[in-house]
Amino acid sequence: MGQRIDPDTPYKLCFYVPREDAEAVKAAVFAAGAGRQGDYDCCAFQVAGEGQFRPLAGSQPHIGQQDQLERVPEYRVEMLCPGHRLPAALAALRQAHPYEEPAVDVWPLIDISGL
């Protein structure tokens, strides 16, 4: 909260997305500049799992109903993103993602190439 993005720092972007929406969300985030590593693009790692949530009063859930616990097959998707592309990648992710409040993590990375 309140953190500033350093445009020169590489970041790892991680998000959770329903299986049936994963390819569309990844495509949007790739188009915004995430998922590049060296001479490769569209790089990501994903692992299948199960997400759970209970929509509360005031929510407009894409899946499930208010006050009922929901479990959904999801992917955890991770990819690299340069700092100067992170705002656009996050905006693309939020626009393409079906959830009102997608779970997203962002970590700054250090360059270990010289270590």
C-alpha atoms as a PDB file:
ATOM      1  CA  MET A   1       0.000   0.000   0.000  1.00  0.00           C
ATOM      2  CA  GLY A   2       1.358   3.374  -0.945  1.00  0.00           C
ATOM      3  CA  GLN A   3       4.388   1.792  -2.640  1.00  0.00           C
ATOM      4  CA  ARG A   4       5.888   3.398  -5.707  1.00  0.00           C
ATOM      5  CA  ILE A   5       6.855   1.382  -8.746  1.00  0.00           C
ATOM      6  CA  ASP A   6      10.476   1.765  -9.795  1.00  0.00           C
ATOM      7  CA  PRO A   7      10.488   1.761 -13.618  1.00  0.00           C
ATOM      8  CA  ASP A   8      14.010   0.270 -13.656  1.00  0.00           C
ATOM      9  CA  THR A   9      13.223  -2.653 -11.328  1.00  0.00           C
ATOM     10  CA  PRO A  10      12.010  -6.014 -12.620  1.00  0.00           C
ATOM     11  CA  TYR A  11       8.964  -7.431 -10.833  1.00  0.00           C
ATOM     12  CA  LYS A  12       7.270 -10.787 -10.509  1.00  0.00           C
ATOM     13  CA  LEU A  13       3.539 -10.601 -11.117  1.00  0.00           C
ATOM     14  CA  CYS A  14       1.386 -13.376  -9.663  1.00  0.00           C
ATOM     15  CA  PHE A  15      -2.379 -13.759  -9.973  1.00  0.00           C
ATOM     16  CA  TYR A  16      -5.120 -16.341  -9.583  1.00  0.00           C
ATOM     17  CA  VAL A  17      -7.672 -16.860 -12.333  1.00  0.00           C
ATOM     18  CA  PRO A  18     -10.443 -19.380 -13.117  1.00  0.00           C
ATOM     19  CA  ARG A  19      -9.160 -22.039 -15.503  1.00  0.00           C
ATOM     20  CA  GLU A  20     -11.562 -21.130 -18.292  1.00  0.00           C
ATOM     21  CA  ASP A  21     -10.406 -17.490 -18.235  1.00  0.00           C
ATOM     22  CA  ALA A  22      -6.665 -18.079 -17.880  1.00  0.00           C
ATOM     23  CA  GLU A  23      -5.660 -17.840 -21.553  1.00  0.00           C
ATOM     24  CA  ALA A  24      -7.577 -14.604 -22.176  1.00  0.00           C
ATOM     25  CA  VAL A  25      -6.184 -12.942 -19.040  1.00  0.00           C
ATOM     26  CA  LYS A  26      -2.621 -14.058 -19.820  1.00  0.00           C
ATOM     27  CA  ALA A  27      -2.957 -12.769 -23.395  1.00  0.00           C
ATOM     28  CA  ALA A  28      -4.059  -9.340 -22.130  1.00  0.00           C
ATOM     29  CA  VAL A  29      -1.178  -9.140 -19.642  1.00  0.00           C
ATOM     30  CA  PHE A  30       1.341 -10.312 -22.273  1.00  0.00           C
ATOM     31  CA  ALA A  31       0.038  -7.668 -24.710  1.00  0.00           C
ATOM     32  CA  ALA A  32       0.664  -5.026 -22.006  1.00  0.00           C
ATOM     33  CA  GLY A  33       4.347  -5.991 -21.827  1.00  0.00           C
ATOM     34  CA  ALA A  34       4.622  -8.630 -19.097  1.00  0.00           C
ATOM     35  CA  GLY A  35       6.008 -12.126 -19.589  1.00  0.00           C
ATOM     36  CA  ARG A  36       9.259 -11.253 -21.391  1.00  0.00           C
ATOM     37  CA  GLN A  37      12.546 -12.834 -20.478  1.00  0.00           C
ATOM     38  CA  GLY A  38      15.569 -12.165 -22.663  1.00  0.00           C
ATOM     39  CA  ASP A  39      14.717 -13.064 -26.252  1.00  0.00           C
ATOM     40  CA  TYR A  40      11.436 -14.773 -25.255  1.00  0.00           C
ATOM     41  CA  ASP A  41       7.933 -13.487 -24.726  1.00  0.00           C
ATOM     42  CA  CYS A  42       4.685 -14.984 -23.405  1.00  0.00           C
ATOM     43  CA  CYS A  43       6.713 -16.586 -20.576  1.00  0.00           C
ATOM     44  CA  ALA A  44       4.709 -17.702 -17.566  1.00  0.00           C
ATOM     45  CA  PHE A  45       4.433 -20.453 -15.025  1.00  0.00           C
ATOM     46  CA  GLN A  46       1.051 -21.718 -13.950  1.00  0.00           C
ATOM     47  CA  VAL A  47      -0.103 -24.362 -11.552  1.00  0.00           C
ATOM     48  CA  ALA A  48      -3.619 -25.686 -11.031  1.00  0.00           C
ATOM     49  CA  GLY A  49      -5.316 -25.391  -7.677  1.00  0.00           C
ATOM     50  CA  GLU A  50      -8.596 -24.544  -6.032  1.00  0.00           C
ATOM     51  CA  GLY A  51      -9.591 -21.078  -4.898  1.00  0.00           C
ATOM     52  CA  GLN A  52     -12.322 -20.372  -2.404  1.00  0.00           C
ATOM     53  CA  PHE A  53     -14.282 -17.288  -1.409  1.00  0.00           C
ATOM     54  CA  ARG A  54     -17.632 -16.186  -0.030  1.00  0.00           C
ATOM     55  CA  PRO A  55     -19.223 -13.152  -1.688  1.00  0.00           C
ATOM     56  CA  LEU A  56     -20.475 -10.705   0.947  1.00  0.00           C
ATOM     57  CA  ALA A  57     -23.302  -8.156   0.868  1.00  0.00           C
ATOM     58  CA  GLY A  58     -22.643  -5.520  -1.781  1.00  0.00           C
ATOM     59  CA  SER A  59     -20.621  -7.848  -4.022  1.00  0.00           C
ATOM     60  CA  GLN A  60     -21.542  -8.750  -7.578  1.00  0.00           C
ATOM     61  CA  PRO A  61     -19.825 -12.132  -7.971  1.00  0.00           C
ATOM     62  CA  HIS A  62     -18.909 -13.501 -11.378  1.00  0.00           C
ATOM     63  CA  ILE A  63     -19.192 -16.987  -9.871  1.00  0.00           C
ATOM     64  CA  GLY A  64     -21.319 -18.023  -6.884  1.00  0.00           C
ATOM     65  CA  GLN A  65     -23.902 -16.281  -4.748  1.00  0.00           C
ATOM     66  CA  GLN A  66     -23.721 -13.897  -1.816  1.00  0.00           C
ATOM     67  CA  ASP A  67     -23.182 -15.510   1.597  1.00  0.00           C
ATOM     68  CA  GLN A  68     -22.378 -18.921   0.092  1.00  0.00           C
ATOM     69  CA  LEU A  69     -18.883 -20.395   0.141  1.00  0.00           C
ATOM     70  CA  GLU A  70     -17.654 -21.096  -3.386  1.00  0.00           C
ATOM     71  CA  ARG A  71     -14.761 -23.270  -4.577  1.00  0.00           C
ATOM     72  CA  VAL A  72     -13.381 -22.775  -8.071  1.00  0.00           C
ATOM     73  CA  PRO A  73     -10.711 -24.569 -10.140  1.00  0.00           C
ATOM     74  CA  GLU A  74      -8.115 -21.859 -10.732  1.00  0.00           C
ATOM     75  CA  TYR A  75      -4.587 -21.340 -11.965  1.00  0.00           C
ATOM     76  CA  ARG A  76      -1.882 -19.487 -10.092  1.00  0.00           C
ATOM     77  CA  VAL A  77      -0.014 -17.643 -12.847  1.00  0.00           C
ATOM     78  CA  GLU A  78       3.422 -16.056 -12.399  1.00  0.00           C
ATOM     79  CA  MET A  79       5.432 -13.973 -14.847  1.00  0.00           C
ATOM     80  CA  LEU A  80       8.114 -11.328 -14.994  1.00  0.00           C
ATOM     81  CA  CYS A  81       7.271  -7.723 -15.692  1.00  0.00           C
ATOM     82  CA  PRO A  82       9.600  -4.726 -16.071  1.00  0.00           C
ATOM     83  CA  GLY A  83       8.689  -1.847 -13.781  1.00  0.00           C
ATOM     84  CA  HIS A  84       7.988   0.546 -16.635  1.00  0.00           C
ATOM     85  CA  ARG A  85       5.306  -1.875 -17.945  1.00  0.00           C
ATOM     86  CA  LEU A  86       3.801  -2.854 -14.575  1.00  0.00           C
ATOM     87  CA  PRO A  87       1.029  -0.215 -14.423  1.00  0.00           C
ATOM     88  CA  ALA A  88      -0.188  -1.199 -17.910  1.00  0.00           C
ATOM     89  CA  ALA A  89       0.063  -4.924 -17.089  1.00  0.00           C
ATOM     90  CA  LEU A  90      -1.962  -4.486 -13.897  1.00  0.00           C
ATOM     91  CA  ALA A  91      -4.592  -2.427 -15.719  1.00  0.00           C
ATOM     92  CA  ALA A  92      -4.861  -5.074 -18.454  1.00  0.00           C
ATOM     93  CA  LEU A  93      -5.114  -7.847 -15.863  1.00  0.00           C
ATOM     94  CA  ARG A  94      -7.920  -6.085 -14.000  1.00  0.00           C
ATOM     95  CA  GLN A  95      -9.810  -5.337 -17.203  1.00  0.00           C
ATOM     96  CA  ALA A  96      -9.554  -8.894 -18.587  1.00  0.00           C
ATOM     97  CA  HIS A  97     -10.109 -10.723 -15.291  1.00  0.00           C
ATOM     98  CA  PRO A  98     -13.675 -11.860 -14.594  1.00  0.00           C
ATOM     99  CA  TYR A  99     -13.553 -11.239 -10.822  1.00  0.00           C
ATOM    100  CA  GLU A 100     -14.516  -7.926  -9.205  1.00  0.00           C
ATOM    101  CA  GLU A 101     -11.419  -8.157  -7.004  1.00  0.00           C
ATOM    102  CA  PRO A 102      -8.768 -10.443  -8.479  1.00  0.00           C
ATOM    103  CA  ALA A 103      -6.046 -11.686  -6.123  1.00  0.00           C
ATOM    104  CA  VAL A 104      -2.756 -10.175  -7.318  1.00  0.00           C
ATOM    105  CA  ASP A 105       0.732 -10.193  -5.815  1.00  0.00           C
ATOM    106  CA  VAL A 106       3.707  -8.143  -7.036  1.00  0.00           C
ATOM    107  CA  TRP A 107       7.291  -8.606  -5.832  1.00  0.00           C
ATOM    108  CA  PRO A 108      10.331  -6.504  -6.734  1.00  0.00           C
ATOM    109  CA  LEU A 109      13.248  -8.658  -7.923  1.00  0.00           C
ATOM    110  CA  ILE A 110      17.006  -8.276  -7.720  1.00  0.00           C
ATOM    111  CA  ASP A 111      19.429  -8.924 -10.558  1.00  0.00           C
ATOM    112  CA  ILE A 112      21.345 -12.114  -9.737  1.00  0.00           C
ATOM    113  CA  SER A 113      23.150 -12.399 -13.065  1.00  0.00           C
ATOM    114  CA  GLY A 114      26.396 -11.117 -11.527  1.00  0.00           C
ATOM    115  CA  LEU A 115      26.233 -13.209  -8.366  1.00  0.00           C
END
